[in-house]
Amino acid sequence: MAICLYGGFMIRAKIDERLERRFRELAMKRFGYGKGALSKAVEEAILKWVSLVGREEVIFEGDPVEAIDGLLSDVNIGSVRLQHKIKEFWMGKVAGNVSG
């Protein structure tokens, strides 16, 4: 399921086929069968989830350095080169948003 929300952001999520079918049915019943019904339903669902989970206190247990190390374990590039790549990526993004 890939949905473009109102802000223009694309969210891709792989969910169970039956759940997606049921979600689509309910979205159309609630918001109609026209364009944008599914996006409205997804936005409403995300807002409800964020409001519910946002009230919970998140406590990270463990060593944050080990957690980051685990996330980056499959990255086969040195830290200095990675920093340069990030800088190049960021500069490309910034340059694309500057009018001139």
C-alpha atoms as a PDB file:
ATOM      1  CA  MET A   1       0.000   0.000   0.000  1.00  0.00           C
ATOM      2  CA  ALA A   2       1.496   3.378  -0.978  1.00  0.00           C
ATOM      3  CA  ILE A   3      -0.392   6.512  -0.074  1.00  0.00           C
ATOM      4  CA  CYS A   4       0.397  10.150  -0.769  1.00  0.00           C
ATOM      5  CA  LEU A   5      -0.848  12.226   2.144  1.00  0.00           C
ATOM      6  CA  TYR A   6      -1.949  15.856   1.884  1.00  0.00           C
ATOM      7  CA  GLY A   7       1.521  17.210   2.683  1.00  0.00           C
ATOM      8  CA  GLY A   8       2.853  15.401  -0.343  1.00  0.00           C
ATOM      9  CA  PHE A   9       4.788  12.794   1.630  1.00  0.00           C
ATOM     10  CA  MET A  10       4.670   9.232   0.398  1.00  0.00           C
ATOM     11  CA  ILE A  11       4.283   6.473   2.941  1.00  0.00           C
ATOM     12  CA  ARG A  12       4.852   2.904   1.869  1.00  0.00           C
ATOM     13  CA  ALA A  13       3.777   0.089   4.138  1.00  0.00           C
ATOM     14  CA  LYS A  14       3.372  -3.626   3.619  1.00  0.00           C
ATOM     15  CA  ILE A  15       0.328  -4.820   5.510  1.00  0.00           C
ATOM     16  CA  ASP A  16      -1.793  -7.927   5.507  1.00  0.00           C
ATOM     17  CA  GLU A  17      -3.997  -8.183   2.416  1.00  0.00           C
ATOM     18  CA  ARG A  18      -7.171  -8.783   4.425  1.00  0.00           C
ATOM     19  CA  LEU A  19      -6.427  -5.822   6.693  1.00  0.00           C
ATOM     20  CA  GLU A  20      -5.852  -3.564   3.678  1.00  0.00           C
ATOM     21  CA  ARG A  21      -9.105  -4.707   2.042  1.00  0.00           C
ATOM     22  CA  ARG A  22     -11.056  -4.080   5.259  1.00  0.00           C
ATOM     23  CA  PHE A  23      -9.386  -0.686   5.700  1.00  0.00           C
ATOM     24  CA  ARG A  24     -10.294   0.338   2.145  1.00  0.00           C
ATOM     25  CA  GLU A  25     -13.910  -0.765   2.628  1.00  0.00           C
ATOM     26  CA  LEU A  26     -14.286   1.223   5.847  1.00  0.00           C
ATOM     27  CA  ALA A  27     -12.483   4.254   4.423  1.00  0.00           C
ATOM     28  CA  MET A  28     -14.860   4.397   1.468  1.00  0.00           C
ATOM     29  CA  LYS A  29     -17.918   3.934   3.672  1.00  0.00           C
ATOM     30  CA  ARG A  30     -16.787   6.772   5.926  1.00  0.00           C
ATOM     31  CA  PHE A  31     -15.332   9.220   3.395  1.00  0.00           C
ATOM     32  CA  GLY A  32     -17.117   8.231   0.202  1.00  0.00           C
ATOM     33  CA  TYR A  33     -15.944   6.542  -2.945  1.00  0.00           C
ATOM     34  CA  GLY A  34     -14.255   9.586  -4.450  1.00  0.00           C
ATOM     35  CA  LYS A  35     -10.662  10.616  -4.769  1.00  0.00           C
ATOM     36  CA  GLY A  36      -8.869  11.221  -1.470  1.00  0.00           C
ATOM     37  CA  ALA A  37     -11.013   8.964   0.718  1.00  0.00           C
ATOM     38  CA  LEU A  38      -8.172   6.572   1.422  1.00  0.00           C
ATOM     39  CA  SER A  39      -5.740   9.400   2.203  1.00  0.00           C
ATOM     40  CA  LYS A  40      -8.218  10.932   4.644  1.00  0.00           C
ATOM     41  CA  ALA A  41      -8.653   7.584   6.384  1.00  0.00           C
ATOM     42  CA  VAL A  42      -4.904   7.005   6.627  1.00  0.00           C
ATOM     43  CA  GLU A  43      -4.359  10.499   7.999  1.00  0.00           C
ATOM     44  CA  GLU A  44      -7.098   9.979  10.590  1.00  0.00           C
ATOM     45  CA  ALA A  45      -5.632   6.599  11.579  1.00  0.00           C
ATOM     46  CA  ILE A  46      -2.119   8.033  11.928  1.00  0.00           C
ATOM     47  CA  LEU A  47      -3.382  10.990  13.980  1.00  0.00           C
ATOM     48  CA  LYS A  48      -5.205   8.638  16.354  1.00  0.00           C
ATOM     49  CA  TRP A  49      -2.172   6.370  16.673  1.00  0.00           C
ATOM     50  CA  VAL A  50       0.203   9.289  17.281  1.00  0.00           C
ATOM     51  CA  SER A  51      -2.105  10.748  19.896  1.00  0.00           C
ATOM     52  CA  LEU A  52      -2.418   7.368  21.657  1.00  0.00           C
ATOM     53  CA  VAL A  53       1.258   6.433  21.549  1.00  0.00           C
ATOM     54  CA  GLY A  54       2.382  10.008  22.174  1.00  0.00           C
ATOM     55  CA  ARG A  55       0.905   9.804  25.666  1.00  0.00           C
ATOM     56  CA  GLU A  56       3.071   6.801  26.527  1.00  0.00           C
ATOM     57  CA  GLU A  57       6.432   7.387  28.116  1.00  0.00           C
ATOM     58  CA  VAL A  58       9.095   5.767  25.988  1.00  0.00           C
ATOM     59  CA  ILE A  59      11.991   4.426  27.989  1.00  0.00           C
ATOM     60  CA  PHE A  60      14.993   3.166  26.073  1.00  0.00           C
ATOM     61  CA  GLU A  61      16.747   0.361  27.860  1.00  0.00           C
ATOM     62  CA  GLY A  62      20.245  -0.521  26.855  1.00  0.00           C
ATOM     63  CA  ASP A  63      23.311   1.174  25.508  1.00  0.00           C
ATOM     64  CA  PRO A  64      22.385   3.732  22.798  1.00  0.00           C
ATOM     65  CA  VAL A  65      25.813   3.386  21.190  1.00  0.00           C
ATOM     66  CA  GLU A  66      25.276  -0.359  20.790  1.00  0.00           C
ATOM     67  CA  ALA A  67      21.832   0.304  19.337  1.00  0.00           C
ATOM     68  CA  ILE A  68      23.247   2.678  16.722  1.00  0.00           C
ATOM     69  CA  ASP A  69      26.101   0.274  16.051  1.00  0.00           C
ATOM     70  CA  GLY A  70      23.545  -2.454  15.430  1.00  0.00           C
ATOM     71  CA  LEU A  71      21.607  -0.254  13.002  1.00  0.00           C
ATOM     72  CA  LEU A  72      24.773   0.521  11.078  1.00  0.00           C
ATOM     73  CA  SER A  73      26.251  -2.989  11.216  1.00  0.00           C
ATOM     74  CA  ASP A  74      25.671  -3.664   7.518  1.00  0.00           C
ATOM     75  CA  VAL A  75      27.146  -0.323   6.373  1.00  0.00           C
ATOM     76  CA  ASN A  76      30.535  -1.058   4.835  1.00  0.00           C
ATOM     77  CA  ILE A  77      32.017   2.436   4.814  1.00  0.00           C
ATOM     78  CA  GLY A  78      34.312   4.278   7.198  1.00  0.00           C
ATOM     79  CA  SER A  79      32.936   6.944   9.516  1.00  0.00           C
ATOM     80  CA  VAL A  80      34.849   9.795   7.843  1.00  0.00           C
ATOM     81  CA  ARG A  81      33.676   8.771   4.365  1.00  0.00           C
ATOM     82  CA  LEU A  82      30.145   8.400   5.719  1.00  0.00           C
ATOM     83  CA  GLN A  83      30.298  11.952   7.074  1.00  0.00           C
ATOM     84  CA  HIS A  84      31.414  13.227   3.659  1.00  0.00           C
ATOM     85  CA  LYS A  85      28.593  11.311   1.955  1.00  0.00           C
ATOM     86  CA  ILE A  86      26.065  12.821   4.352  1.00  0.00           C
ATOM     87  CA  LYS A  87      27.446  16.307   3.690  1.00  0.00           C
ATOM     88  CA  GLU A  88      27.211  15.736  -0.095  1.00  0.00           C
ATOM     89  CA  PHE A  89      23.653  14.450   0.286  1.00  0.00           C
ATOM     90  CA  TRP A  90      22.630  17.388   2.479  1.00  0.00           C
ATOM     91  CA  MET A  91      24.216  19.954   0.158  1.00  0.00           C
ATOM     92  CA  GLY A  92      22.386  18.389  -2.783  1.00  0.00           C
ATOM     93  CA  LYS A  93      19.085  18.703  -0.925  1.00  0.00           C
ATOM     94  CA  VAL A  94      19.758  22.298   0.109  1.00  0.00           C
ATOM     95  CA  ALA A  95      20.943  23.335  -3.365  1.00  0.00           C
ATOM     96  CA  GLY A  96      17.755  21.880  -4.860  1.00  0.00           C
ATOM     97  CA  ASN A  97      15.613  24.081  -2.600  1.00  0.00           C
ATOM     98  CA  VAL A  98      17.424  27.367  -3.230  1.00  0.00           C
ATOM     99  CA  SER A  99      15.984  29.651  -5.868  1.00  0.00           C
ATOM    100  CA  GLY A 100      18.390  31.505  -8.021  1.00  0.00           C
END
